[in-house]
Amino acid sequence: MRKFHRNQPFCRNPLPTRGFLAMKWPAAAVATAFAAALMMSTASAQAVPVPKPAPKPRADVPKQALPSPVIPGPSAATPPTPIIPDLRNLFGGNTPTFDANQKALASKVSAYMSTLQNVSGNFVQVGPDGKRSTGDFYIQKPGKIRFEYDDPSPIALVADGSSVIVRDRRLATQDVYPLSQTPLRYLLSDRIDLMRDTNVVGVASDDMFISVTIEEKQPLVGTSRLMLMIGAKDNQLKQWTVTDPQGYDTTVAVYNLDTTKKLDPGMFRIDYTNYQSNQN
């Protein structure tokens, strides 16, 4: 069994850069858990320059048209600062019970995740060691995702609907995993009912966020949790945090979400010819 790095998607042993979910993936079904929060801030709009009045014309100088004032466009959202929850001590181990309001909140998150069929944007990732990385992501349901890390990271993550690869462009290698054995199956499901399809262990809300935490236990591996958080007001995906069986957290905050951009299906194809693949 191949070991993967704790801060690289689906990895235990170190890869050159940090990964997407930082889980320690077994060959069996992957354990998961859910929780997080983030603050999105929008850069303030710039002032519109006011043109100076035209000088009075002189009889010996021909009139010239004044240039139109340049009005700057709106600024994009600034990168959020991920909030790192501690999922290891969040629950007491007892079987949770949920009231009607919590069930309604879980249903709201389920409905949102089911309607999120096509989305792209930017992300900020914080690994267990506090290292911060950024990049772009693209999701096309069912089952397709692409994460591209900004330089100097050589890593890209691609899921094509059945497999997931973690590619190292510098080493020209990639590790291949079944999509069904990773937590991405929840994020990329065409339709999902969290209360029915997963083991929900926590539902919470405040004025800013709604969070749902799911948990999976593996006898030979341990317990993992994945906490998903959406905005309470705009109902948009904000952040997720994964805690692996060894207790290491990786948080991914997303922003600048675009659900209108048409994505090229080719960006989700996996190249098995130009990279040395390691099957897992």
C-alpha atoms as a PDB file:
ATOM      1  CA  MET A   1       0.000   0.000   0.000  1.00  0.00           C
ATOM      2  CA  ARG A   2       1.402   3.432  -0.953  1.00  0.00           C
ATOM      3  CA  LYS A   3       1.716   5.942   1.876  1.00  0.00           C
ATOM      4  CA  PHE A   4       0.628   9.507   1.363  1.00  0.00           C
ATOM      5  CA  HIS A   5       1.644  12.899   2.672  1.00  0.00           C
ATOM      6  CA  ARG A   6      -0.505  14.396   5.379  1.00  0.00           C
ATOM      7  CA  ASN A   7      -0.759  17.794   3.731  1.00  0.00           C
ATOM      8  CA  GLN A   8      -1.051  16.692   0.121  1.00  0.00           C
ATOM      9  CA  PRO A   9      -4.340  15.560  -1.387  1.00  0.00           C
ATOM     10  CA  PHE A  10      -4.773  11.877  -0.640  1.00  0.00           C
ATOM     11  CA  CYS A  11      -1.175  11.486   0.574  1.00  0.00           C
ATOM     12  CA  ARG A  12       0.800  10.263   3.602  1.00  0.00           C
ATOM     13  CA  ASN A  13       4.438  10.616   2.610  1.00  0.00           C
ATOM     14  CA  PRO A  14       5.731  14.052   1.545  1.00  0.00           C
ATOM     15  CA  LEU A  15       5.247  15.256  -1.999  1.00  0.00           C
ATOM     16  CA  PRO A  16       7.047  18.381  -3.148  1.00  0.00           C
ATOM     17  CA  THR A  17       4.165  20.725  -2.226  1.00  0.00           C
ATOM     18  CA  ARG A  18       1.082  20.805  -0.094  1.00  0.00           C
ATOM     19  CA  GLY A  19      -2.102  19.291  -1.431  1.00  0.00           C
ATOM     20  CA  PHE A  20      -5.761  19.884  -1.658  1.00  0.00           C
ATOM     21  CA  LEU A  21      -7.337  17.962   1.207  1.00  0.00           C
ATOM     22  CA  ALA A  22      -4.344  16.741   3.217  1.00  0.00           C
ATOM     23  CA  MET A  23      -5.984  13.412   4.026  1.00  0.00           C
ATOM     24  CA  LYS A  24      -4.052  10.214   4.697  1.00  0.00           C
ATOM     25  CA  TRP A  25      -5.889   8.023   2.248  1.00  0.00           C
ATOM     26  CA  PRO A  26      -6.165   4.245   2.817  1.00  0.00           C
ATOM     27  CA  ALA A  27      -6.942   1.828   0.040  1.00  0.00           C
ATOM     28  CA  ALA A  28     -10.372   1.377   1.610  1.00  0.00           C
ATOM     29  CA  ALA A  29     -13.073   4.053   1.630  1.00  0.00           C
ATOM     30  CA  VAL A  30     -11.701   7.342   2.929  1.00  0.00           C
ATOM     31  CA  ALA A  31     -12.755   8.737   6.272  1.00  0.00           C
ATOM     32  CA  THR A  32     -14.102  12.295   6.297  1.00  0.00           C
ATOM     33  CA  ALA A  33     -15.178  15.204   8.421  1.00  0.00           C
ATOM     34  CA  PHE A  34     -16.585  18.666   7.940  1.00  0.00           C
ATOM     35  CA  ALA A  35     -16.162  22.203   9.466  1.00  0.00           C
ATOM     36  CA  ALA A  36     -14.807  25.636   8.842  1.00  0.00           C
ATOM     37  CA  ALA A  37     -15.361  29.321   8.530  1.00  0.00           C
ATOM     38  CA  LEU A  38     -13.981  32.176   6.560  1.00  0.00           C
ATOM     39  CA  MET A  39     -14.353  35.891   6.203  1.00  0.00           C
ATOM     40  CA  MET A  40     -14.705  37.320   2.712  1.00  0.00           C
ATOM     41  CA  SER A  41     -13.957  41.009   2.312  1.00  0.00           C
ATOM     42  CA  THR A  42     -14.449  43.141  -0.781  1.00  0.00           C
ATOM     43  CA  ALA A  43     -11.920  45.745  -1.736  1.00  0.00           C
ATOM     44  CA  SER A  44     -13.349  49.224  -1.483  1.00  0.00           C
ATOM     45  CA  ALA A  45     -14.303  50.905  -4.738  1.00  0.00           C
ATOM     46  CA  GLN A  46     -11.897  53.450  -6.090  1.00  0.00           C
ATOM     47  CA  ALA A  47     -12.871  57.102  -6.406  1.00  0.00           C
ATOM     48  CA  VAL A  48     -14.017  58.280  -9.806  1.00  0.00           C
ATOM     49  CA  PRO A  49     -11.686  61.004 -11.102  1.00  0.00           C
ATOM     50  CA  VAL A  50     -13.388  64.300 -11.856  1.00  0.00           C
ATOM     51  CA  PRO A  51     -12.254  65.949 -15.116  1.00  0.00           C
ATOM     52  CA  LYS A  52     -10.933  69.503 -14.895  1.00  0.00           C
ATOM     53  CA  PRO A  53     -12.977  72.181 -16.668  1.00  0.00           C
ATOM     54  CA  ALA A  54     -11.816  72.985 -20.181  1.00  0.00           C
ATOM     55  CA  PRO A  55      -9.743  76.140 -20.552  1.00  0.00           C
ATOM     56  CA  LYS A  56     -11.284  79.060 -22.347  1.00  0.00           C
ATOM     57  CA  PRO A  57     -10.599  78.818 -26.086  1.00  0.00           C
ATOM     58  CA  ARG A  58      -8.091  81.123 -27.667  1.00  0.00           C
ATOM     59  CA  ALA A  59      -8.749  82.685 -30.996  1.00  0.00           C
ATOM     60  CA  ASP A  60      -5.406  81.539 -32.450  1.00  0.00           C
ATOM     61  CA  VAL A  61      -5.577  77.930 -31.251  1.00  0.00           C
ATOM     62  CA  PRO A  62      -7.963  75.352 -32.792  1.00  0.00           C
ATOM     63  CA  LYS A  63     -10.350  73.647 -30.391  1.00  0.00           C
ATOM     64  CA  GLN A  64      -9.480  70.109 -29.274  1.00  0.00           C
ATOM     65  CA  ALA A  65     -11.750  67.532 -27.741  1.00  0.00           C
ATOM     66  CA  LEU A  66     -11.067  66.738 -24.087  1.00  0.00           C
ATOM     67  CA  PRO A  67     -10.342  63.096 -23.234  1.00  0.00           C
ATOM     68  CA  SER A  68     -13.112  61.235 -21.453  1.00  0.00           C
ATOM     69  CA  PRO A  69     -12.490  60.490 -17.777  1.00  0.00           C
ATOM     70  CA  VAL A  70     -11.414  56.915 -16.985  1.00  0.00           C
ATOM     71  CA  ILE A  71     -13.770  55.213 -14.562  1.00  0.00           C
ATOM     72  CA  PRO A  72     -12.217  52.146 -12.914  1.00  0.00           C
ATOM     73  CA  GLY A  73     -14.224  48.942 -12.789  1.00  0.00           C
ATOM     74  CA  PRO A  74     -15.228  47.153  -9.578  1.00  0.00           C
ATOM     75  CA  SER A  75     -12.499  45.424  -7.606  1.00  0.00           C
ATOM     76  CA  ALA A  76     -12.468  41.657  -7.168  1.00  0.00           C
ATOM     77  CA  ALA A  77     -12.923  40.176  -3.732  1.00  0.00           C
ATOM     78  CA  THR A  78      -9.748  40.066  -1.672  1.00  0.00           C
ATOM     79  CA  PRO A  79      -8.445  36.633  -0.602  1.00  0.00           C
ATOM     80  CA  PRO A  80     -10.127  35.500   2.621  1.00  0.00           C
ATOM     81  CA  THR A  81      -8.300  34.570   5.776  1.00  0.00           C
ATOM     82  CA  PRO A  82      -9.274  30.951   6.544  1.00  0.00           C
ATOM     83  CA  ILE A  83     -10.498  30.200  10.049  1.00  0.00           C
ATOM     84  CA  ILE A  84      -9.024  26.995  11.399  1.00  0.00           C
ATOM     85  CA  PRO A  85     -11.443  25.013  13.605  1.00  0.00           C
ATOM     86  CA  ASP A  86     -10.348  22.200  15.916  1.00  0.00           C
ATOM     87  CA  LEU A  87     -12.416  19.217  14.822  1.00  0.00           C
ATOM     88  CA  ARG A  88     -10.580  16.787  17.069  1.00  0.00           C
ATOM     89  CA  ASN A  89     -12.237  18.075  20.225  1.00  0.00           C
ATOM     90  CA  LEU A  90     -15.484  19.288  18.692  1.00  0.00           C
ATOM     91  CA  PHE A  91     -17.595  16.281  19.638  1.00  0.00           C
ATOM     92  CA  GLY A  92     -17.917  14.141  22.748  1.00  0.00           C
ATOM     93  CA  GLY A  93     -18.244  10.840  20.926  1.00  0.00           C
ATOM     94  CA  ASN A  94     -21.919  10.288  21.692  1.00  0.00           C
ATOM     95  CA  THR A  95     -24.441   9.690  18.932  1.00  0.00           C
ATOM     96  CA  PRO A  96     -25.756  13.158  18.087  1.00  0.00           C
ATOM     97  CA  THR A  97     -29.418  14.091  17.917  1.00  0.00           C
ATOM     98  CA  PHE A  98     -30.712  16.989  15.858  1.00  0.00           C
ATOM     99  CA  ASP A  99     -33.741  19.182  16.334  1.00  0.00           C
ATOM    100  CA  ALA A 100     -36.029  20.334  13.542  1.00  0.00           C
ATOM    101  CA  ASN A 101     -34.061  23.522  12.980  1.00  0.00           C
ATOM    102  CA  GLN A 102     -30.747  21.667  12.591  1.00  0.00           C
ATOM    103  CA  LYS A 103     -32.319  19.208  10.161  1.00  0.00           C
ATOM    104  CA  ALA A 104     -33.682  22.128   8.161  1.00  0.00           C
ATOM    105  CA  LEU A 105     -30.213  23.708   8.040  1.00  0.00           C
ATOM    106  CA  ALA A 106     -28.666  20.437   6.841  1.00  0.00           C
ATOM    107  CA  SER A 107     -31.352  20.224   4.162  1.00  0.00           C
ATOM    108  CA  LYS A 108     -30.526  23.789   3.097  1.00  0.00           C
ATOM    109  CA  VAL A 109     -26.855  22.920   2.693  1.00  0.00           C
ATOM    110  CA  SER A 110     -27.776  19.727   0.828  1.00  0.00           C
ATOM    111  CA  ALA A 111     -30.006  21.665  -1.565  1.00  0.00           C
ATOM    112  CA  TYR A 112     -27.274  24.228  -2.208  1.00  0.00           C
ATOM    113  CA  MET A 113     -24.602  21.599  -2.836  1.00  0.00           C
ATOM    114  CA  SER A 114     -26.960  19.793  -5.217  1.00  0.00           C
ATOM    115  CA  THR A 115     -27.609  22.936  -7.258  1.00  0.00           C
ATOM    116  CA  LEU A 116     -23.915  23.868  -7.426  1.00  0.00           C
ATOM    117  CA  GLN A 117     -23.325  22.145 -10.750  1.00  0.00           C
ATOM    118  CA  ASN A 118     -20.767  24.367 -12.464  1.00  0.00           C
ATOM    119  CA  VAL A 119     -18.436  26.689 -10.537  1.00  0.00           C
ATOM    120  CA  SER A 120     -14.963  28.180 -10.733  1.00  0.00           C
ATOM    121  CA  GLY A 121     -13.003  30.564  -8.543  1.00  0.00           C
ATOM    122  CA  ASN A 122      -9.927  31.048  -6.392  1.00  0.00           C
ATOM    123  CA  PHE A 123      -8.801  29.344  -3.211  1.00  0.00           C
ATOM    124  CA  VAL A 124      -6.552  29.854  -0.216  1.00  0.00           C
ATOM    125  CA  GLN A 125      -5.266  26.712   1.499  1.00  0.00           C
ATOM    126  CA  VAL A 126      -3.690  26.406   4.934  1.00  0.00           C
ATOM    127  CA  GLY A 127      -1.959  23.117   5.745  1.00  0.00           C
ATOM    128  CA  PRO A 128      -1.251  21.473   9.122  1.00  0.00           C
ATOM    129  CA  ASP A 129       2.074  23.318   9.361  1.00  0.00           C
ATOM    130  CA  GLY A 130       0.400  26.669   8.738  1.00  0.00           C
ATOM    131  CA  LYS A 131       1.825  26.962   5.234  1.00  0.00           C
ATOM    132  CA  ARG A 132      -0.415  29.021   2.963  1.00  0.00           C
ATOM    133  CA  SER A 133      -0.891  28.373  -0.745  1.00  0.00           C
ATOM    134  CA  THR A 134      -3.234  29.775  -3.365  1.00  0.00           C
ATOM    135  CA  GLY A 135      -4.602  28.884  -6.760  1.00  0.00           C
ATOM    136  CA  ASP A 136      -7.622  28.436  -9.018  1.00  0.00           C
ATOM    137  CA  PHE A 137     -10.282  25.731  -8.964  1.00  0.00           C
ATOM    138  CA  TYR A 138     -12.940  24.461 -11.369  1.00  0.00           C
ATOM    139  CA  ILE A 139     -15.862  22.124 -10.630  1.00  0.00           C
ATOM    140  CA  GLN A 140     -18.176  20.469 -13.136  1.00  0.00           C
ATOM    141  CA  LYS A 141     -20.620  17.951 -11.730  1.00  0.00           C
ATOM    142  CA  PRO A 142     -20.893  15.110 -11.541  1.00  0.00           C
ATOM    143  CA  GLY A 143     -17.430  14.048 -10.480  1.00  0.00           C
ATOM    144  CA  LYS A 144     -15.116  16.572 -12.155  1.00  0.00           C
ATOM    145  CA  ILE A 145     -12.738  19.012 -10.491  1.00  0.00           C
ATOM    146  CA  ARG A 146      -9.446  20.717 -11.211  1.00  0.00           C
ATOM    147  CA  PHE A 147      -7.203  22.488  -8.684  1.00  0.00           C
ATOM    148  CA  GLU A 148      -4.224  24.443 -10.007  1.00  0.00           C
ATOM    149  CA  TYR A 149      -1.746  25.777  -7.454  1.00  0.00           C
ATOM    150  CA  ASP A 150       0.043  29.046  -8.060  1.00  0.00           C
ATOM    151  CA  ASP A 151       3.822  29.074  -8.585  1.00  0.00           C
ATOM    152  CA  PRO A 152       6.149  27.904  -7.245  1.00  0.00           C
ATOM    153  CA  SER A 153       4.012  24.821  -6.547  1.00  0.00           C
ATOM    154  CA  PRO A 154       4.154  22.270  -9.400  1.00  0.00           C
ATOM    155  CA  ILE A 155       1.033  20.444  -8.192  1.00  0.00           C
ATOM    156  CA  ALA A 156      -2.317  20.061  -9.940  1.00  0.00           C
ATOM    157  CA  LEU A 157      -5.275  17.916  -8.910  1.00  0.00           C
ATOM    158  CA  VAL A 158      -7.745  16.598 -11.479  1.00  0.00           C
ATOM    159  CA  ALA A 159     -10.813  14.353 -11.175  1.00  0.00           C
ATOM    160  CA  ASP A 160     -12.440  13.120 -14.381  1.00  0.00           C
ATOM    161  CA  GLY A 161     -15.562  11.518 -12.918  1.00  0.00           C
ATOM    162  CA  SER A 162     -14.068   8.160 -11.942  1.00  0.00           C
ATOM    163  CA  SER A 163     -10.432   8.772 -10.956  1.00  0.00           C
ATOM    164  CA  VAL A 164      -8.483  11.477  -9.150  1.00  0.00           C
ATOM    165  CA  ILE A 165      -4.856  12.306  -9.918  1.00  0.00           C
ATOM    166  CA  VAL A 166      -2.345  14.400  -8.015  1.00  0.00           C
ATOM    167  CA  ARG A 167       0.183  15.554 -10.601  1.00  0.00           C
ATOM    168  CA  ASP A 168       3.671  16.908 -10.041  1.00  0.00           C
ATOM    169  CA  ARG A 169       4.696  18.769 -13.174  1.00  0.00           C
ATOM    170  CA  ARG A 170       8.271  19.173 -11.967  1.00  0.00           C
ATOM    171  CA  LEU A 171       8.786  15.421 -11.532  1.00  0.00           C
ATOM    172  CA  ALA A 172       6.419  14.483 -14.388  1.00  0.00           C
ATOM    173  CA  THR A 173       4.627  12.003 -12.105  1.00  0.00           C
ATOM    174  CA  GLN A 174       1.081  11.569 -10.906  1.00  0.00           C
ATOM    175  CA  ASP A 175      -0.668   9.423  -8.294  1.00  0.00           C
ATOM    176  CA  VAL A 176      -4.041   7.949  -9.272  1.00  0.00           C
ATOM    177  CA  TYR A 177      -6.912   7.209  -6.847  1.00  0.00           C
ATOM    178  CA  PRO A 178     -10.515   6.014  -7.249  1.00  0.00           C
ATOM    179  CA  LEU A 179     -12.855   8.972  -6.808  1.00  0.00           C
ATOM    180  CA  SER A 180     -15.194   6.783  -4.744  1.00  0.00           C
ATOM    181  CA  GLN A 181     -12.494   6.431  -2.062  1.00  0.00           C
ATOM    182  CA  THR A 182     -11.970  10.155  -1.467  1.00  0.00           C
ATOM    183  CA  PRO A 183     -14.040  12.886   0.259  1.00  0.00           C
ATOM    184  CA  LEU A 184     -14.340  14.579  -3.129  1.00  0.00           C
ATOM    185  CA  ARG A 185     -17.279  12.272  -3.774  1.00  0.00           C
ATOM    186  CA  TYR A 186     -19.396  14.433  -1.451  1.00  0.00           C
ATOM    187  CA  LEU A 187     -18.337  17.726  -2.984  1.00  0.00           C
ATOM    188  CA  LEU A 188     -18.791  16.415  -6.536  1.00  0.00           C
ATOM    189  CA  SER A 189     -22.023  14.436  -6.131  1.00  0.00           C
ATOM    190  CA  ASP A 190     -24.703  15.430  -8.604  1.00  0.00           C
ATOM    191  CA  ARG A 191     -27.335  15.265  -5.849  1.00  0.00           C
ATOM    192  CA  ILE A 192     -26.753  14.706  -2.131  1.00  0.00           C
ATOM    193  CA  ASP A 193     -28.817  14.493   1.039  1.00  0.00           C
ATOM    194  CA  LEU A 194     -26.299  14.944   3.857  1.00  0.00           C
ATOM    195  CA  MET A 195     -28.552  13.562   6.593  1.00  0.00           C
ATOM    196  CA  ARG A 196     -29.312  10.454   4.555  1.00  0.00           C
ATOM    197  CA  ASP A 197     -26.124   9.867   2.554  1.00  0.00           C
ATOM    198  CA  THR A 198     -23.473  10.711   5.176  1.00  0.00           C
ATOM    199  CA  ASN A 199     -22.845  10.381   8.904  1.00  0.00           C
ATOM    200  CA  VAL A 200     -23.625  13.909  10.093  1.00  0.00           C
ATOM    201  CA  VAL A 201     -22.207  14.609  13.553  1.00  0.00           C
ATOM    202  CA  GLY A 202     -22.654  18.352  13.781  1.00  0.00           C
ATOM    203  CA  VAL A 203     -24.922  21.118  12.475  1.00  0.00           C
ATOM    204  CA  ALA A 204     -24.474  24.721  13.584  1.00  0.00           C
ATOM    205  CA  SER A 205     -25.275  28.253  12.451  1.00  0.00           C
ATOM    206  CA  ASP A 206     -24.775  31.882  13.386  1.00  0.00           C
ATOM    207  CA  ASP A 207     -25.257  35.223  11.653  1.00  0.00           C
ATOM    208  CA  MET A 208     -22.359  34.515   9.290  1.00  0.00           C
ATOM    209  CA  PHE A 209     -22.212  30.794   8.494  1.00  0.00           C
ATOM    210  CA  ILE A 210     -24.017  27.467   8.377  1.00  0.00           C
ATOM    211  CA  SER A 211     -21.769  24.475   8.963  1.00  0.00           C
ATOM    212  CA  VAL A 212     -22.328  20.754   8.616  1.00  0.00           C
ATOM    213  CA  THR A 213     -19.762  18.255   9.882  1.00  0.00           C
ATOM    214  CA  ILE A 214     -19.655  14.668   8.698  1.00  0.00           C
ATOM    215  CA  GLU A 215     -17.553  11.834  10.028  1.00  0.00           C
ATOM    216  CA  GLU A 216     -16.309   8.485   8.787  1.00  0.00           C
ATOM    217  CA  LYS A 217     -14.657   5.777  10.867  1.00  0.00           C
ATOM    218  CA  GLN A 218     -12.372   3.084   9.530  1.00  0.00           C
ATOM    219  CA  PRO A 219     -11.333   0.256  11.905  1.00  0.00           C
ATOM    220  CA  LEU A 220      -7.768   0.043  10.590  1.00  0.00           C
ATOM    221  CA  VAL A 221      -7.261   3.744   9.943  1.00  0.00           C
ATOM    222  CA  GLY A 222      -9.196   5.819  12.446  1.00  0.00           C
ATOM    223  CA  THR A 223     -11.668   8.678  12.343  1.00  0.00           C
ATOM    224  CA  SER A 224     -11.660  11.535   9.888  1.00  0.00           C
ATOM    225  CA  ARG A 225     -13.924  14.567   9.699  1.00  0.00           C
ATOM    226  CA  LEU A 226     -14.874  17.065   7.057  1.00  0.00           C
ATOM    227  CA  MET A 227     -16.578  20.346   7.949  1.00  0.00           C
ATOM    228  CA  LEU A 228     -18.292  22.346   5.211  1.00  0.00           C
ATOM    229  CA  MET A 229     -19.381  25.937   5.666  1.00  0.00           C
ATOM    230  CA  ILE A 230     -21.622  28.141   3.528  1.00  0.00           C
ATOM    231  CA  GLY A 231     -22.614  31.772   4.031  1.00  0.00           C
ATOM    232  CA  ALA A 232     -25.748  32.243   6.104  1.00  0.00           C
ATOM    233  CA  LYS A 233     -26.815  35.252   4.026  1.00  0.00           C
ATOM    234  CA  ASP A 234     -25.625  34.571   0.498  1.00  0.00           C
ATOM    235  CA  ASN A 235     -25.795  30.733   0.654  1.00  0.00           C
ATOM    236  CA  GLN A 236     -22.428  30.412  -1.101  1.00  0.00           C
ATOM    237  CA  LEU A 237     -19.680  27.915  -0.401  1.00  0.00           C
ATOM    238  CA  LYS A 238     -17.043  29.526   1.825  1.00  0.00           C
ATOM    239  CA  GLN A 239     -14.692  26.932   3.244  1.00  0.00           C
ATOM    240  CA  TRP A 240     -14.054  23.334   4.180  1.00  0.00           C
ATOM    241  CA  THR A 241     -11.690  21.784   6.716  1.00  0.00           C
ATOM    242  CA  VAL A 242     -10.505  18.197   6.715  1.00  0.00           C
ATOM    243  CA  THR A 243      -9.049  16.464   9.764  1.00  0.00           C
ATOM    244  CA  ASP A 244      -7.265  13.217   8.961  1.00  0.00           C
ATOM    245  CA  PRO A 245      -7.067  10.196  11.311  1.00  0.00           C
ATOM    246  CA  GLN A 246      -3.788  11.482  12.744  1.00  0.00           C
ATOM    247  CA  GLY A 247      -5.421  14.767  13.714  1.00  0.00           C
ATOM    248  CA  TYR A 248      -3.883  17.006  11.048  1.00  0.00           C
ATOM    249  CA  ASP A 249      -6.105  19.759   9.638  1.00  0.00           C
ATOM    250  CA  THR A 250      -6.138  21.294   6.183  1.00  0.00           C
ATOM    251  CA  THR A 251      -8.470  24.187   5.431  1.00  0.00           C
ATOM    252  CA  VAL A 252      -9.472  25.430   1.982  1.00  0.00           C
ATOM    253  CA  ALA A 253     -11.304  28.768   1.672  1.00  0.00           C
ATOM    254  CA  VAL A 254     -12.835  29.672  -1.697  1.00  0.00           C
ATOM    255  CA  TYR A 255     -13.800  33.052  -3.127  1.00  0.00           C
ATOM    256  CA  ASN A 256     -14.624  34.871  -6.383  1.00  0.00           C
ATOM    257  CA  LEU A 257     -17.086  32.091  -7.187  1.00  0.00           C
ATOM    258  CA  ASP A 258     -18.462  32.129 -10.743  1.00  0.00           C
ATOM    259  CA  THR A 259     -21.358  29.834 -11.650  1.00  0.00           C
ATOM    260  CA  THR A 260     -21.932  31.348 -15.108  1.00  0.00           C
ATOM    261  CA  LYS A 261     -18.587  30.625 -16.766  1.00  0.00           C
ATOM    262  CA  LYS A 262     -18.705  27.762 -19.257  1.00  0.00           C
ATOM    263  CA  LEU A 263     -15.913  25.300 -18.509  1.00  0.00           C
ATOM    264  CA  ASP A 264     -13.991  23.369 -21.151  1.00  0.00           C
ATOM    265  CA  PRO A 265     -14.527  19.613 -20.575  1.00  0.00           C
ATOM    266  CA  GLY A 266     -10.940  19.086 -21.734  1.00  0.00           C
ATOM    267  CA  MET A 267      -9.529  20.570 -18.538  1.00  0.00           C
ATOM    268  CA  PHE A 268     -10.850  17.530 -16.633  1.00  0.00           C
ATOM    269  CA  ARG A 269      -9.202  14.915 -18.864  1.00  0.00           C
ATOM    270  CA  ILE A 270      -6.415  12.917 -17.229  1.00  0.00           C
ATOM    271  CA  ASP A 271      -3.217  12.479 -19.227  1.00  0.00           C
ATOM    272  CA  TYR A 272      -1.922   8.942 -18.686  1.00  0.00           C
ATOM    273  CA  THR A 273       0.723   9.108 -21.420  1.00  0.00           C
ATOM    274  CA  ASN A 274       3.058  11.988 -20.498  1.00  0.00           C
ATOM    275  CA  TYR A 275       3.272  11.246 -16.802  1.00  0.00           C
ATOM    276  CA  GLN A 276       4.467   8.258 -14.800  1.00  0.00           C
ATOM    277  CA  SER A 277       1.367   7.074 -12.949  1.00  0.00           C
ATOM    278  CA  ASN A 278       1.205   5.275  -9.617  1.00  0.00           C
ATOM    279  CA  GLN A 279      -2.058   3.397  -9.161  1.00  0.00           C
ATOM    280  CA  ASN A 280      -3.524   3.268  -5.624  1.00  0.00           C
END
